[in-house]
């Protein structure tokens, strides 16, 4: 009995000290990121090489975002994360890497102007969503899907604003969307309106233009979000102006 009690007390002591480490990571993250300005979080596979189409596309998107004045936040590692940081840095923008300590795979890339290291995934994920006004999800595995559904759930439950969320590469994402629509929506676990929280894009210019418009018009304060984006014809001429009615509270600190 005494041995068992000793083990429990030892675990409690370790947990107590763990709280201080968690607090330290929170404080450092808040301190480093609180003044970065408008930012976009980019997620995607760590296993894409520089010659892959996904890597090249992520680099282009990040460069274009930086050219429009947006900071780019990635997980700070290789693959899509490296491409995002590389593109932002090449354009002279703020390139942020939220590095995570892992036993394998993750090593910080060298294309960062701001680097913050984390031991705890949940603290790192908080920084991804707290300081971004848009989310760009490239093809990826479990980690990218985790970050995708984390952001979606927070938007769905209004813990954060109706920030635009993009899935890049329609061919890659279509099977997931088909499953959500066919099985999840049809069973009543989601609604079509909730699926509209997702915007699927293939064109980097279209993606960046929508993010810039949303930032300017504060579309995330509207219940419609990016659905209020102006509709254009095949020549790019606006045929239906956007009109994001601001119905949500402007403060995000009280939400997240």
C-alpha atoms as a PDB file:
ATOM      1  CA  UNK A   1       0.000   0.000   0.000  1.00  0.00           C
ATOM      2  CA  UNK A   2       2.774   2.433   0.935  1.00  0.00           C
ATOM      3  CA  UNK A   3       4.635   1.718  -2.323  1.00  0.00           C
ATOM      4  CA  UNK A   4       1.530   2.537  -4.338  1.00  0.00           C
ATOM      5  CA  UNK A   5       1.018   5.771  -2.418  1.00  0.00           C
ATOM      6  CA  UNK A   6       4.653   6.745  -3.014  1.00  0.00           C
ATOM      7  CA  UNK A   7       4.250   6.257  -6.775  1.00  0.00           C
ATOM      8  CA  UNK A   8       1.127   8.412  -6.834  1.00  0.00           C
ATOM      9  CA  UNK A   9       2.850  11.185  -4.906  1.00  0.00           C
ATOM     10  CA  UNK A  10       5.829  11.030  -7.240  1.00  0.00           C
ATOM     11  CA  UNK A  11       3.569  11.376 -10.283  1.00  0.00           C
ATOM     12  CA  UNK A  12       1.806  14.331  -8.707  1.00  0.00           C
ATOM     13  CA  UNK A  13       5.118  16.074  -8.099  1.00  0.00           C
ATOM     14  CA  UNK A  14       6.171  15.595 -11.715  1.00  0.00           C
ATOM     15  CA  UNK A  15       2.822  16.918 -12.893  1.00  0.00           C
ATOM     16  CA  UNK A  16       3.246  19.992 -10.704  1.00  0.00           C
ATOM     17  CA  UNK A  17       6.595  20.831 -12.280  1.00  0.00           C
ATOM     18  CA  UNK A  18       5.144  20.129 -15.726  1.00  0.00           C
ATOM     19  CA  UNK A  19       2.680  22.965 -15.155  1.00  0.00           C
ATOM     20  CA  UNK A  20       5.567  25.429 -14.912  1.00  0.00           C
ATOM     21  CA  UNK A  21       7.038  24.212 -18.179  1.00  0.00           C
ATOM     22  CA  UNK A  22       3.659  24.549 -19.876  1.00  0.00           C
ATOM     23  CA  UNK A  23       3.307  28.068 -18.478  1.00  0.00           C
ATOM     24  CA  UNK A  24       6.784  28.958 -19.733  1.00  0.00           C
ATOM     25  CA  UNK A  25       5.908  27.789 -23.251  1.00  0.00           C
ATOM     26  CA  UNK A  26       2.675  29.781 -23.183  1.00  0.00           C
ATOM     27  CA  UNK A  27       4.439  32.942 -22.018  1.00  0.00           C
ATOM     28  CA  UNK A  28       7.201  32.618 -24.614  1.00  0.00           C
ATOM     29  CA  UNK A  29       4.699  31.984 -27.398  1.00  0.00           C
ATOM     30  CA  UNK A  30       2.538  34.955 -26.427  1.00  0.00           C
ATOM     31  CA  UNK A  31       5.588  37.184 -26.083  1.00  0.00           C
ATOM     32  CA  UNK A  32       7.096  36.233 -29.457  1.00  0.00           C
ATOM     33  CA  UNK A  33       3.895  36.322 -31.515  1.00  0.00           C
ATOM     34  CA  UNK A  34       1.739  39.052 -30.007  1.00  0.00           C
ATOM     35  CA  UNK A  35       3.012  41.779 -32.360  1.00  0.00           C
ATOM     36  CA  UNK A  36       3.438  39.963 -35.676  1.00  0.00           C
ATOM     37  CA  UNK A  37       0.452  41.605 -37.386  1.00  0.00           C
ATOM     38  CA  UNK A  38      -1.890  39.789 -39.782  1.00  0.00           C
ATOM     39  CA  UNK A  39      -0.704  36.213 -40.217  1.00  0.00           C
ATOM     40  CA  UNK A  40      -1.650  33.022 -42.023  1.00  0.00           C
ATOM     41  CA  UNK A  41      -0.987  29.543 -40.642  1.00  0.00           C
ATOM     42  CA  UNK A  42       0.118  26.987 -43.218  1.00  0.00           C
ATOM     43  CA  UNK A  43      -0.073  23.241 -42.574  1.00  0.00           C
ATOM     44  CA  UNK A  44       1.083  20.279 -44.653  1.00  0.00           C
ATOM     45  CA  UNK A  45       3.249  17.208 -44.861  1.00  0.00           C
ATOM     46  CA  UNK A  46       6.777  17.151 -43.456  1.00  0.00           C
ATOM     47  CA  UNK A  47       7.638  14.488 -46.040  1.00  0.00           C
ATOM     48  CA  UNK A  48       7.469  16.532 -49.250  1.00  0.00           C
ATOM     49  CA  UNK A  49      10.831  17.080 -50.903  1.00  0.00           C
ATOM     50  CA  UNK A  50      11.860  20.345 -52.592  1.00  0.00           C
ATOM     51  CA  UNK A  51      11.182  18.831 -56.016  1.00  0.00           C
ATOM     52  CA  UNK A  52       7.583  17.874 -55.234  1.00  0.00           C
ATOM     53  CA  UNK A  53       4.680  19.858 -56.663  1.00  0.00           C
ATOM     54  CA  UNK A  54       3.261  20.355 -53.173  1.00  0.00           C
ATOM     55  CA  UNK A  55       6.490  21.926 -51.922  1.00  0.00           C
ATOM     56  CA  UNK A  56       6.734  24.269 -54.900  1.00  0.00           C
ATOM     57  CA  UNK A  57       3.101  25.330 -54.573  1.00  0.00           C
ATOM     58  CA  UNK A  58       3.439  25.999 -50.840  1.00  0.00           C
ATOM     59  CA  UNK A  59       6.512  28.130 -51.480  1.00  0.00           C
ATOM     60  CA  UNK A  60       4.655  30.177 -54.099  1.00  0.00           C
ATOM     61  CA  UNK A  61       1.655  30.706 -51.823  1.00  0.00           C
ATOM     62  CA  UNK A  62       3.836  31.801 -48.904  1.00  0.00           C
ATOM     63  CA  UNK A  63       5.810  34.202 -51.085  1.00  0.00           C
ATOM     64  CA  UNK A  64       2.635  35.786 -52.429  1.00  0.00           C
ATOM     65  CA  UNK A  65       1.197  36.100 -48.931  1.00  0.00           C
ATOM     66  CA  UNK A  66       4.362  37.789 -47.681  1.00  0.00           C
ATOM     67  CA  UNK A  67       4.300  40.168 -50.641  1.00  0.00           C
ATOM     68  CA  UNK A  68       0.815  41.232 -49.513  1.00  0.00           C
ATOM     69  CA  UNK A  69       2.055  41.919 -45.993  1.00  0.00           C
ATOM     70  CA  UNK A  70       1.048  38.713 -44.210  1.00  0.00           C
ATOM     71  CA  UNK A  71       3.296  36.851 -41.815  1.00  0.00           C
ATOM     72  CA  UNK A  72       3.450  33.120 -42.504  1.00  0.00           C
ATOM     73  CA  UNK A  73       3.291  30.666 -39.601  1.00  0.00           C
ATOM     74  CA  UNK A  74       4.381  27.051 -40.071  1.00  0.00           C
ATOM     75  CA  UNK A  75       5.436  24.174 -37.868  1.00  0.00           C
ATOM     76  CA  UNK A  76       9.049  25.107 -38.556  1.00  0.00           C
ATOM     77  CA  UNK A  77      10.112  21.696 -39.842  1.00  0.00           C
ATOM     78  CA  UNK A  78      10.861  20.187 -43.270  1.00  0.00           C
ATOM     79  CA  UNK A  79       8.556  19.617 -46.231  1.00  0.00           C
ATOM     80  CA  UNK A  80       5.600  21.974 -46.604  1.00  0.00           C
ATOM     81  CA  UNK A  81       6.676  23.784 -43.446  1.00  0.00           C
ATOM     82  CA  UNK A  82      10.081  24.538 -44.922  1.00  0.00           C
ATOM     83  CA  UNK A  83       8.498  25.620 -48.203  1.00  0.00           C
ATOM     84  CA  UNK A  84       6.215  28.049 -46.389  1.00  0.00           C
ATOM     85  CA  UNK A  85       9.049  29.595 -44.412  1.00  0.00           C
ATOM     86  CA  UNK A  86      11.295  29.712 -47.463  1.00  0.00           C
ATOM     87  CA  UNK A  87       8.710  31.498 -49.589  1.00  0.00           C
ATOM     88  CA  UNK A  88       7.915  34.065 -46.913  1.00  0.00           C
ATOM     89  CA  UNK A  89      11.582  34.776 -46.227  1.00  0.00           C
ATOM     90  CA  UNK A  90      12.371  35.136 -49.939  1.00  0.00           C
ATOM     91  CA  UNK A  91       9.752  37.884 -50.171  1.00  0.00           C
ATOM     92  CA  UNK A  92      11.212  39.709 -47.180  1.00  0.00           C
ATOM     93  CA  UNK A  93       8.262  38.808 -44.977  1.00  0.00           C
ATOM     94  CA  UNK A  94       7.917  37.576 -41.430  1.00  0.00           C
ATOM     95  CA  UNK A  95       8.586  33.831 -41.470  1.00  0.00           C
ATOM     96  CA  UNK A  96       7.561  32.091 -38.258  1.00  0.00           C
ATOM     97  CA  UNK A  97       8.419  28.537 -37.259  1.00  0.00           C
ATOM     98  CA  UNK A  98       6.703  26.865 -34.310  1.00  0.00           C
ATOM     99  CA  UNK A  99       9.119  24.007 -33.816  1.00  0.00           C
ATOM    100  CA  UNK A 100       8.151  20.863 -31.912  1.00  0.00           C
ATOM    101  CA  UNK A 101      10.484  18.467 -30.119  1.00  0.00           C
ATOM    102  CA  UNK A 102      10.048  15.002 -31.627  1.00  0.00           C
ATOM    103  CA  UNK A 103      12.157  11.833 -31.435  1.00  0.00           C
ATOM    104  CA  UNK A 104      12.339  11.746 -35.230  1.00  0.00           C
ATOM    105  CA  UNK A 105      11.497  13.653 -38.403  1.00  0.00           C
ATOM    106  CA  UNK A 106      11.198  17.193 -37.028  1.00  0.00           C
ATOM    107  CA  UNK A 107      14.201  19.471 -37.316  1.00  0.00           C
ATOM    108  CA  UNK A 108      13.879  23.221 -37.535  1.00  0.00           C
ATOM    109  CA  UNK A 109      14.460  24.629 -41.012  1.00  0.00           C
ATOM    110  CA  UNK A 110      16.749  27.611 -41.598  1.00  0.00           C
ATOM    111  CA  UNK A 111      14.235  29.924 -43.282  1.00  0.00           C
ATOM    112  CA  UNK A 112      12.738  31.540 -40.187  1.00  0.00           C
ATOM    113  CA  UNK A 113      12.827  35.080 -38.863  1.00  0.00           C
ATOM    114  CA  UNK A 114      10.974  34.067 -35.694  1.00  0.00           C
ATOM    115  CA  UNK A 115      11.465  30.632 -34.108  1.00  0.00           C
ATOM    116  CA  UNK A 116       9.666  29.312 -31.046  1.00  0.00           C
ATOM    117  CA  UNK A 117      10.344  25.825 -29.667  1.00  0.00           C
ATOM    118  CA  UNK A 118       7.692  23.667 -28.013  1.00  0.00           C
ATOM    119  CA  UNK A 119       7.597  20.401 -26.137  1.00  0.00           C
ATOM    120  CA  UNK A 120       3.799  20.267 -25.872  1.00  0.00           C
ATOM    121  CA  UNK A 121       1.662  19.890 -28.970  1.00  0.00           C
ATOM    122  CA  UNK A 122      -1.384  21.557 -27.450  1.00  0.00           C
ATOM    123  CA  UNK A 123       0.518  24.755 -26.619  1.00  0.00           C
ATOM    124  CA  UNK A 124       1.939  24.861 -30.136  1.00  0.00           C
ATOM    125  CA  UNK A 125      -1.512  24.315 -31.659  1.00  0.00           C
ATOM    126  CA  UNK A 126      -2.870  27.183 -29.587  1.00  0.00           C
ATOM    127  CA  UNK A 127      -0.300  29.519 -31.164  1.00  0.00           C
ATOM    128  CA  UNK A 128      -1.256  28.369 -34.667  1.00  0.00           C
ATOM    129  CA  UNK A 129      -4.864  29.420 -34.190  1.00  0.00           C
ATOM    130  CA  UNK A 130      -4.529  32.362 -31.796  1.00  0.00           C
ATOM    131  CA  UNK A 131      -2.364  34.471 -34.093  1.00  0.00           C
ATOM    132  CA  UNK A 132      -3.699  33.550 -37.558  1.00  0.00           C
ATOM    133  CA  UNK A 133      -6.545  35.172 -39.484  1.00  0.00           C
ATOM    134  CA  UNK A 134      -6.570  32.424 -42.138  1.00  0.00           C
ATOM    135  CA  UNK A 135      -5.548  28.790 -42.463  1.00  0.00           C
ATOM    136  CA  UNK A 136      -3.983  27.137 -45.509  1.00  0.00           C
ATOM    137  CA  UNK A 137      -3.897  23.347 -45.464  1.00  0.00           C
ATOM    138  CA  UNK A 138      -1.753  21.604 -48.037  1.00  0.00           C
ATOM    139  CA  UNK A 139      -1.774  17.820 -48.599  1.00  0.00           C
ATOM    140  CA  UNK A 140      -0.499  15.956 -45.558  1.00  0.00           C
ATOM    141  CA  UNK A 141      -0.953  13.127 -43.088  1.00  0.00           C
ATOM    142  CA  UNK A 142      -2.192  12.744 -39.518  1.00  0.00           C
ATOM    143  CA  UNK A 143      -0.580  15.953 -38.271  1.00  0.00           C
ATOM    144  CA  UNK A 144      -2.066  18.080 -41.048  1.00  0.00           C
ATOM    145  CA  UNK A 145      -5.487  16.478 -40.589  1.00  0.00           C
ATOM    146  CA  UNK A 146      -5.280  17.098 -36.849  1.00  0.00           C
ATOM    147  CA  UNK A 147      -4.547  20.783 -37.443  1.00  0.00           C
ATOM    148  CA  UNK A 148      -7.285  21.004 -40.082  1.00  0.00           C
ATOM    149  CA  UNK A 149     -10.013  19.606 -37.848  1.00  0.00           C
ATOM    150  CA  UNK A 150      -8.762  21.541 -34.816  1.00  0.00           C
ATOM    151  CA  UNK A 151      -9.210  24.830 -36.689  1.00  0.00           C
ATOM    152  CA  UNK A 152     -12.543  23.729 -38.171  1.00  0.00           C
ATOM    153  CA  UNK A 153     -13.927  22.730 -34.779  1.00  0.00           C
ATOM    154  CA  UNK A 154     -12.914  26.040 -33.205  1.00  0.00           C
ATOM    155  CA  UNK A 155     -14.593  27.960 -36.031  1.00  0.00           C
ATOM    156  CA  UNK A 156     -17.676  25.724 -35.929  1.00  0.00           C
ATOM    157  CA  UNK A 157     -18.109  26.205 -32.177  1.00  0.00           C
ATOM    158  CA  UNK A 158     -17.250  29.923 -32.408  1.00  0.00           C
ATOM    159  CA  UNK A 159     -14.303  29.657 -30.089  1.00  0.00           C
ATOM    160  CA  UNK A 160     -12.495  31.677 -32.770  1.00  0.00           C
ATOM    161  CA  UNK A 161     -13.853  33.942 -35.490  1.00  0.00           C
ATOM    162  CA  UNK A 162     -15.112  32.765 -38.864  1.00  0.00           C
ATOM    163  CA  UNK A 163     -11.612  32.860 -40.333  1.00  0.00           C
ATOM    164  CA  UNK A 164     -11.162  31.541 -43.886  1.00  0.00           C
ATOM    165  CA  UNK A 165      -9.859  27.984 -44.130  1.00  0.00           C
ATOM    166  CA  UNK A 166      -8.479  26.684 -47.417  1.00  0.00           C
ATOM    167  CA  UNK A 167      -7.757  23.183 -48.641  1.00  0.00           C
ATOM    168  CA  UNK A 168      -5.186  23.432 -51.426  1.00  0.00           C
ATOM    169  CA  UNK A 169      -5.228  20.788 -54.209  1.00  0.00           C
ATOM    170  CA  UNK A 170      -8.799  19.754 -54.966  1.00  0.00           C
ATOM    171  CA  UNK A 171      -7.738  16.387 -56.368  1.00  0.00           C
ATOM    172  CA  UNK A 172      -6.101  15.408 -53.089  1.00  0.00           C
ATOM    173  CA  UNK A 173      -8.917  16.611 -50.825  1.00  0.00           C
ATOM    174  CA  UNK A 174     -11.954  15.593 -52.885  1.00  0.00           C
ATOM    175  CA  UNK A 175     -12.193  12.019 -51.498  1.00  0.00           C
ATOM    176  CA  UNK A 176     -12.286  13.395 -47.940  1.00  0.00           C
ATOM    177  CA  UNK A 177     -14.959  15.932 -48.870  1.00  0.00           C
ATOM    178  CA  UNK A 178     -16.982  13.250 -50.662  1.00  0.00           C
ATOM    179  CA  UNK A 179     -16.883  11.070 -47.545  1.00  0.00           C
ATOM    180  CA  UNK A 180     -17.909  13.960 -45.297  1.00  0.00           C
ATOM    181  CA  UNK A 181     -20.814  14.820 -47.572  1.00  0.00           C
ATOM    182  CA  UNK A 182     -21.930  11.261 -48.310  1.00  0.00           C
ATOM    183  CA  UNK A 183     -21.595   9.645 -44.890  1.00  0.00           C
ATOM    184  CA  UNK A 184     -21.186  12.305 -42.212  1.00  0.00           C
ATOM    185  CA  UNK A 185     -23.700  14.871 -43.482  1.00  0.00           C
ATOM    186  CA  UNK A 186     -26.238  12.261 -44.556  1.00  0.00           C
ATOM    187  CA  UNK A 187     -26.184  10.737 -41.077  1.00  0.00           C
ATOM    188  CA  UNK A 188     -26.875  14.128 -39.561  1.00  0.00           C
ATOM    189  CA  UNK A 189     -23.497  14.486 -37.848  1.00  0.00           C
ATOM    190  CA  UNK A 190     -22.671  17.627 -39.864  1.00  0.00           C
ATOM    191  CA  UNK A 191     -24.645  20.099 -41.954  1.00  0.00           C
ATOM    192  CA  UNK A 192     -23.931  21.387 -45.451  1.00  0.00           C
ATOM    193  CA  UNK A 193     -23.572  24.839 -43.915  1.00  0.00           C
ATOM    194  CA  UNK A 194     -20.786  23.557 -41.675  1.00  0.00           C
ATOM    195  CA  UNK A 195     -19.017  22.086 -44.698  1.00  0.00           C
ATOM    196  CA  UNK A 196     -19.108  25.574 -46.190  1.00  0.00           C
ATOM    197  CA  UNK A 197     -16.515  26.543 -43.589  1.00  0.00           C
ATOM    198  CA  UNK A 198     -14.062  24.901 -46.022  1.00  0.00           C
ATOM    199  CA  UNK A 199     -12.900  26.571 -49.241  1.00  0.00           C
ATOM    200  CA  UNK A 200     -11.126  24.385 -51.804  1.00  0.00           C
ATOM    201  CA  UNK A 201      -8.636  26.107 -54.105  1.00  0.00           C
ATOM    202  CA  UNK A 202      -5.988  25.226 -56.674  1.00  0.00           C
ATOM    203  CA  UNK A 203      -4.891  28.696 -57.795  1.00  0.00           C
ATOM    204  CA  UNK A 204      -2.409  30.506 -55.490  1.00  0.00           C
ATOM    205  CA  UNK A 205      -3.483  33.928 -56.744  1.00  0.00           C
ATOM    206  CA  UNK A 206      -7.138  33.202 -56.013  1.00  0.00           C
ATOM    207  CA  UNK A 207      -6.266  32.010 -52.507  1.00  0.00           C
ATOM    208  CA  UNK A 208      -4.153  35.057 -51.667  1.00  0.00           C
ATOM    209  CA  UNK A 209      -6.723  37.447 -53.132  1.00  0.00           C
ATOM    210  CA  UNK A 210      -9.473  35.973 -50.974  1.00  0.00           C
ATOM    211  CA  UNK A 211      -7.340  36.190 -47.834  1.00  0.00           C
ATOM    212  CA  UNK A 212      -6.402  39.813 -48.592  1.00  0.00           C
ATOM    213  CA  UNK A 213     -10.057  40.694 -49.221  1.00  0.00           C
ATOM    214  CA  UNK A 214     -11.160  39.022 -46.005  1.00  0.00           C
ATOM    215  CA  UNK A 215      -8.494  40.862 -44.030  1.00  0.00           C
ATOM    216  CA  UNK A 216      -9.492  44.206 -45.541  1.00  0.00           C
ATOM    217  CA  UNK A 217     -13.248  43.694 -45.162  1.00  0.00           C
ATOM    218  CA  UNK A 218     -12.999  41.821 -41.843  1.00  0.00           C
ATOM    219  CA  UNK A 219     -15.157  39.071 -43.324  1.00  0.00           C
ATOM    220  CA  UNK A 220     -14.437  36.874 -40.295  1.00  0.00           C
ATOM    221  CA  UNK A 221     -16.691  39.119 -38.207  1.00  0.00           C
ATOM    222  CA  UNK A 222     -19.620  38.024 -40.346  1.00  0.00           C
ATOM    223  CA  UNK A 223     -21.599  34.824 -39.913  1.00  0.00           C
ATOM    224  CA  UNK A 224     -21.075  34.300 -43.650  1.00  0.00           C
ATOM    225  CA  UNK A 225     -17.309  34.536 -43.503  1.00  0.00           C
ATOM    226  CA  UNK A 226     -15.746  33.961 -46.904  1.00  0.00           C
ATOM    227  CA  UNK A 227     -19.150  33.114 -48.414  1.00  0.00           C
ATOM    228  CA  UNK A 228     -19.580  36.881 -48.758  1.00  0.00           C
ATOM    229  CA  UNK A 229     -16.573  37.097 -51.118  1.00  0.00           C
ATOM    230  CA  UNK A 230     -17.495  38.902 -54.384  1.00  0.00           C
ATOM    231  CA  UNK A 231     -18.549  36.545 -57.171  1.00  0.00           C
ATOM    232  CA  UNK A 232     -16.675  36.977 -60.444  1.00  0.00           C
ATOM    233  CA  UNK A 233     -17.173  35.775 -64.004  1.00  0.00           C
ATOM    234  CA  UNK A 234     -14.635  33.888 -66.094  1.00  0.00           C
ATOM    235  CA  UNK A 235     -12.852  37.139 -66.941  1.00  0.00           C
ATOM    236  CA  UNK A 236     -12.404  38.085 -63.303  1.00  0.00           C
ATOM    237  CA  UNK A 237     -15.029  40.830 -63.408  1.00  0.00           C
ATOM    238  CA  UNK A 238     -17.123  41.211 -60.263  1.00  0.00           C
ATOM    239  CA  UNK A 239     -20.736  40.280 -60.987  1.00  0.00           C
ATOM    240  CA  UNK A 240     -21.964  40.246 -57.382  1.00  0.00           C
ATOM    241  CA  UNK A 241     -20.228  42.494 -54.829  1.00  0.00           C
ATOM    242  CA  UNK A 242     -19.377  41.079 -51.444  1.00  0.00           C
ATOM    243  CA  UNK A 243     -21.062  42.533 -48.391  1.00  0.00           C
ATOM    244  CA  UNK A 244     -19.869  40.962 -45.147  1.00  0.00           C
ATOM    245  CA  UNK A 245     -22.273  42.171 -42.481  1.00  0.00           C
ATOM    246  CA  UNK A 246     -20.316  42.343 -39.241  1.00  0.00           C
ATOM    247  CA  UNK A 247     -22.384  40.499 -36.674  1.00  0.00           C
ATOM    248  CA  UNK A 248     -19.767  39.093 -34.311  1.00  0.00           C
ATOM    249  CA  UNK A 249     -17.888  40.790 -31.500  1.00  0.00           C
ATOM    250  CA  UNK A 250     -14.580  42.242 -32.702  1.00  0.00           C
ATOM    251  CA  UNK A 251     -12.563  40.905 -29.759  1.00  0.00           C
ATOM    252  CA  UNK A 252     -10.892  37.520 -30.155  1.00  0.00           C
ATOM    253  CA  UNK A 253      -9.053  37.446 -26.832  1.00  0.00           C
ATOM    254  CA  UNK A 254     -12.264  36.566 -25.035  1.00  0.00           C
ATOM    255  CA  UNK A 255     -12.727  33.595 -27.363  1.00  0.00           C
ATOM    256  CA  UNK A 256      -9.253  32.081 -27.373  1.00  0.00           C
END
